[in-house]
Amino acid sequence: MTTRVPVMVYAEDPVLRAGVVHQLRPRPEVEVLTQQEETRAAVALVVVDEVDDSATRLLRRLRRSTTTRTGVIVKRIDKESLQTTVDCEVAAVLRRSEANQDRLVSVVLAMANGEAVLPGDLLATLLDHVGKMQRHALDPNGLTLSTLTPREADMLRLIAEGFGTAEIAGKLSYSERTVKNILHGVTSRLHLRNRAHAVGYVMRHGLI
């Protein structure tokens, strides 16, 4: 039997939390946790209208967990808020208008598999924003595009676009083992925790 992904749902508005819990609870792929069980969570979903100061504090607290991957389900998001989610190492961003049951479960499973999920238009917005900031961000550590090999950069771009290991292997004509080894090499060399952290890191520093 496939192990269910333990999920913790956070929302200041109890109605928002109840709505997401109601969609997730019947699904056999996930296990919705209570507040007392939050330390067991493999995935945390933060449901908000916008990424305000309160949401940012929660995201920063969740970032300190080495076992939980965090996703944000948000009503509206702008460039600044999107950058905040990257800084907080959020693994997925999903608009509430798109958060039906199947999409929620898909995002949870993707995060549990170490993948990053971001709508295409938000990815384009983030890349444009990072590009404009690049001169200021590339900086004290002397980071440049040469920090990554071409195939590492290609893989991280595909991860940022939401592709999984098998899909990346197919697109780049590598074995899945090779993809995993290369990504492990990037995360180890740059002292990163996981794929989402790697994508956020290289985006912040304009490396992809």
Protein backbone atom coordinates (compact mmCIF):
# COMPACT_ATOMS: atom_id res chain seq x y z
CA MET A 1 0.00 0.00 0.00
CA THR A 2 1.32 3.46 -0.91
CA THR A 3 2.23 5.62 2.08
CA ARG A 4 -0.10 8.57 2.54
CA VAL A 5 1.52 12.00 2.58
CA PRO A 6 0.99 13.68 5.98
CA VAL A 7 -0.25 17.25 5.35
CA MET A 8 -0.73 20.15 7.76
CA VAL A 9 -3.04 22.97 6.66
CA TYR A 10 -2.54 26.46 8.09
CA ALA A 11 -4.97 29.40 7.73
CA GLU A 12 -5.89 32.28 10.02
CA ASP A 13 -9.39 32.16 8.54
CA PRO A 14 -11.05 28.95 9.80
CA VAL A 15 -13.36 28.90 6.79
CA LEU A 16 -10.40 28.81 4.40
CA ARG A 17 -8.77 26.02 6.38
CA ALA A 18 -11.99 24.02 6.53
CA GLY A 19 -12.42 24.33 2.76
CA VAL A 20 -8.97 22.90 1.97
CA VAL A 21 -9.24 20.19 4.65
CA HIS A 22 -12.65 19.21 3.28
CA GLN A 23 -11.14 18.68 -0.18
CA LEU A 24 -8.09 16.76 1.02
CA ARG A 25 -9.54 14.53 3.74
CA PRO A 26 -11.40 12.05 1.47
CA ARG A 27 -8.35 11.41 -0.70
CA PRO A 28 -6.37 8.23 0.00
CA GLU A 29 -3.08 9.83 -1.14
CA VAL A 30 -2.95 12.25 1.80
CA GLU A 31 -3.41 12.29 5.57
CA VAL A 32 -4.63 15.58 7.01
CA LEU A 33 -3.02 16.23 10.39
CA THR A 34 -4.33 17.99 13.48
CA GLN A 35 -2.41 20.81 15.17
CA GLN A 36 -1.06 18.38 17.75
CA GLU A 37 0.43 16.27 14.94
CA GLU A 38 2.10 19.07 12.96
CA THR A 39 5.63 17.80 13.65
CA ARG A 40 4.78 14.76 11.49
CA ALA A 41 3.98 16.86 8.42
CA ALA A 42 5.84 16.13 5.20
CA VAL A 43 3.94 18.96 3.48
CA ALA A 44 2.54 22.19 4.92
CA LEU A 45 -0.10 24.18 3.05
CA VAL A 46 -0.50 27.84 4.01
CA VAL A 47 -3.84 29.23 2.82
CA VAL A 48 -4.02 33.03 2.65
CA ASP A 49 -5.57 35.94 0.79
CA GLU A 50 -2.11 37.44 0.30
CA VAL A 51 1.43 36.97 1.56
CA ASP A 52 1.27 39.64 4.27
CA ASP A 53 3.44 40.07 7.38
CA SER A 54 1.57 37.39 9.32
CA ALA A 55 1.90 34.86 6.50
CA THR A 56 5.59 35.72 6.09
CA ARG A 57 6.23 35.05 9.79
CA LEU A 58 4.59 31.64 9.47
CA LEU A 59 6.56 30.82 6.30
CA ARG A 60 9.81 31.75 8.04
CA ARG A 61 8.93 29.50 10.97
CA LEU A 62 8.13 26.62 8.64
CA ARG A 63 11.38 27.21 6.74
CA ARG A 64 13.30 26.16 9.84
CA SER A 65 11.88 22.63 9.58
CA THR A 66 14.22 20.24 7.80
CA THR A 67 11.48 17.69 7.08
CA THR A 68 8.49 19.74 5.96
CA ARG A 69 8.05 21.25 2.49
CA THR A 70 5.77 24.27 2.30
CA GLY A 71 3.24 25.36 -0.32
CA VAL A 72 1.18 28.54 -0.44
CA ILE A 73 -2.41 28.67 -1.65
CA VAL A 74 -3.07 32.34 -2.27
CA LYS A 75 -5.87 34.54 -3.59
CA ARG A 76 -3.61 37.26 -4.99
CA ILE A 77 0.14 37.63 -5.32
CA ASP A 78 2.46 40.33 -6.64
CA LYS A 79 6.16 40.44 -7.47
CA GLU A 80 7.23 41.36 -3.96
CA SER A 81 5.14 38.60 -2.40
CA LEU A 82 6.44 36.11 -4.94
CA GLN A 83 10.00 37.00 -4.03
CA THR A 84 9.10 36.55 -0.35
CA THR A 85 7.92 33.00 -1.04
CA VAL A 86 11.23 32.25 -2.76
CA ASP A 87 13.20 33.71 0.16
CA CYS A 88 11.18 31.50 2.52
CA GLU A 89 12.02 28.44 0.37
CA VAL A 90 8.38 27.78 -0.49
CA ALA A 91 8.17 24.74 -2.77
CA ALA A 92 4.84 25.53 -4.45
CA VAL A 93 2.51 28.44 -5.12
CA LEU A 94 -1.08 27.78 -6.18
CA ARG A 95 -3.82 30.32 -6.78
CA ARG A 96 -6.96 29.64 -4.75
CA SER A 97 -9.06 29.92 -7.91
CA GLU A 98 -7.20 26.87 -9.27
CA ALA A 99 -7.20 24.87 -6.02
CA ASN A 100 -9.71 22.16 -6.81
CA GLN A 101 -9.35 18.75 -5.18
CA ASP A 102 -7.29 17.10 -7.92
CA ARG A 103 -4.96 20.08 -8.25
CA LEU A 104 -4.42 20.26 -4.49
CA VAL A 105 -3.52 16.58 -4.32
CA SER A 106 -1.26 16.90 -7.37
CA VAL A 107 0.65 19.76 -5.74
CA VAL A 108 0.98 17.89 -2.43
CA LEU A 109 2.36 14.79 -4.17
CA ALA A 110 4.76 16.87 -6.26
CA MET A 111 6.13 18.58 -3.16
CA ALA A 112 6.46 15.26 -1.35
CA ASN A 113 8.55 14.04 -4.32
CA GLY A 114 10.92 17.00 -4.01
CA GLU A 115 9.48 18.96 -6.92
CA ALA A 116 8.72 22.67 -7.16
CA VAL A 117 5.36 23.90 -8.50
CA LEU A 118 4.75 27.40 -9.84
CA PRO A 119 2.20 28.56 -12.44
CA GLY A 120 3.86 29.48 -15.73
CA ASP A 121 2.89 33.15 -15.61
CA LEU A 122 4.25 33.49 -12.05
CA LEU A 123 7.49 31.82 -13.08
CA ALA A 124 7.85 34.29 -15.94
CA THR A 125 7.15 37.17 -13.55
CA LEU A 126 9.73 35.90 -11.08
CA LEU A 127 12.40 35.36 -13.72
CA ASP A 128 11.78 38.86 -15.10
CA HIS A 129 11.99 40.32 -11.60
CA VAL A 130 15.17 38.41 -10.80
CA GLY A 131 16.71 39.48 -14.09
CA LYS A 132 16.18 43.14 -13.25
CA MET A 133 17.73 42.63 -9.82
CA GLN A 134 20.62 40.53 -11.07
CA ARG A 135 23.28 43.23 -10.95
CA HIS A 136 22.55 43.79 -7.28
CA ALA A 137 22.09 40.16 -6.34
CA LEU A 138 25.07 38.51 -7.93
CA ASP A 139 27.39 40.03 -5.61
CA PRO A 140 29.37 39.48 -2.40
CA ASN A 141 30.09 35.85 -3.19
CA GLY A 142 31.05 36.54 -6.80
CA LEU A 143 28.34 34.20 -8.10
CA THR A 144 28.12 33.96 -11.90
CA LEU A 145 26.49 31.74 -14.47
CA SER A 146 29.65 29.65 -14.39
CA THR A 147 28.67 28.56 -10.87
CA LEU A 148 26.44 26.03 -12.65
CA THR A 149 27.33 23.75 -15.53
CA PRO A 150 25.02 23.99 -18.57
CA ARG A 151 23.31 20.69 -17.75
CA GLU A 152 22.82 21.70 -14.10
CA ALA A 153 21.20 24.94 -15.24
CA ASP A 154 19.00 23.05 -17.72
CA MET A 155 17.81 20.68 -15.01
CA LEU A 156 17.04 23.46 -12.56
CA ARG A 157 15.07 25.33 -15.22
CA LEU A 158 12.98 22.23 -15.84
CA ILE A 159 12.42 21.71 -12.10
CA ALA A 160 11.33 25.36 -11.84
CA GLU A 161 8.82 24.66 -14.62
CA GLY A 162 7.33 21.80 -12.60
CA PHE A 163 8.83 18.75 -14.32
CA GLY A 164 9.60 15.62 -12.30
CA THR A 165 12.69 13.43 -12.40
CA ALA A 166 11.37 11.04 -15.04
CA GLU A 167 10.24 13.89 -17.32
CA ILE A 168 13.58 15.67 -16.98
CA ALA A 169 15.43 12.45 -17.78
CA GLY A 170 13.31 12.03 -20.92
CA LYS A 171 13.75 15.62 -22.09
CA LEU A 172 17.53 15.63 -21.58
CA SER A 173 18.13 11.99 -22.62
CA TYR A 174 19.65 11.01 -19.27
CA SER A 175 18.78 8.16 -16.94
CA GLU A 176 16.77 9.03 -13.83
CA ARG A 177 19.79 8.02 -11.74
CA THR A 178 21.97 10.53 -13.63
CA VAL A 179 19.41 13.30 -13.07
CA LYS A 180 19.29 12.53 -9.34
CA ASN A 181 23.10 12.40 -9.10
CA ILE A 182 23.54 15.74 -10.88
CA LEU A 183 20.91 17.44 -8.72
CA HIS A 184 22.46 15.95 -5.59
CA GLY A 185 25.79 17.37 -6.71
CA VAL A 186 24.31 20.87 -7.07
CA THR A 187 22.59 20.82 -3.70
CA SER A 188 25.69 19.46 -1.95
CA ARG A 189 28.09 21.92 -3.60
CA LEU A 190 25.96 24.96 -2.84
CA HIS A 191 24.98 23.66 0.64
CA LEU A 192 21.26 23.55 -0.20
CA ARG A 193 18.60 21.45 1.51
CA ASN A 194 16.55 20.19 -1.41
CA ARG A 195 15.40 20.86 -4.97
CA ALA A 196 13.04 23.67 -4.01
CA HIS A 197 15.80 25.39 -2.06
CA ALA A 198 18.11 24.99 -5.08
CA VAL A 199 15.57 26.54 -7.46
CA GLY A 200 14.93 29.43 -5.07
CA TYR A 201 18.65 29.98 -4.55
CA VAL A 202 19.62 30.09 -8.21
CA MET A 203 16.62 32.29 -9.06
CA ARG A 204 17.52 34.77 -6.32
CA HIS A 205 21.07 34.95 -7.65
CA GLY A 206 20.08 35.16 -11.29
CA LEU A 207 21.77 31.88 -12.22
CA ILE A 208 18.89 30.57 -14.32
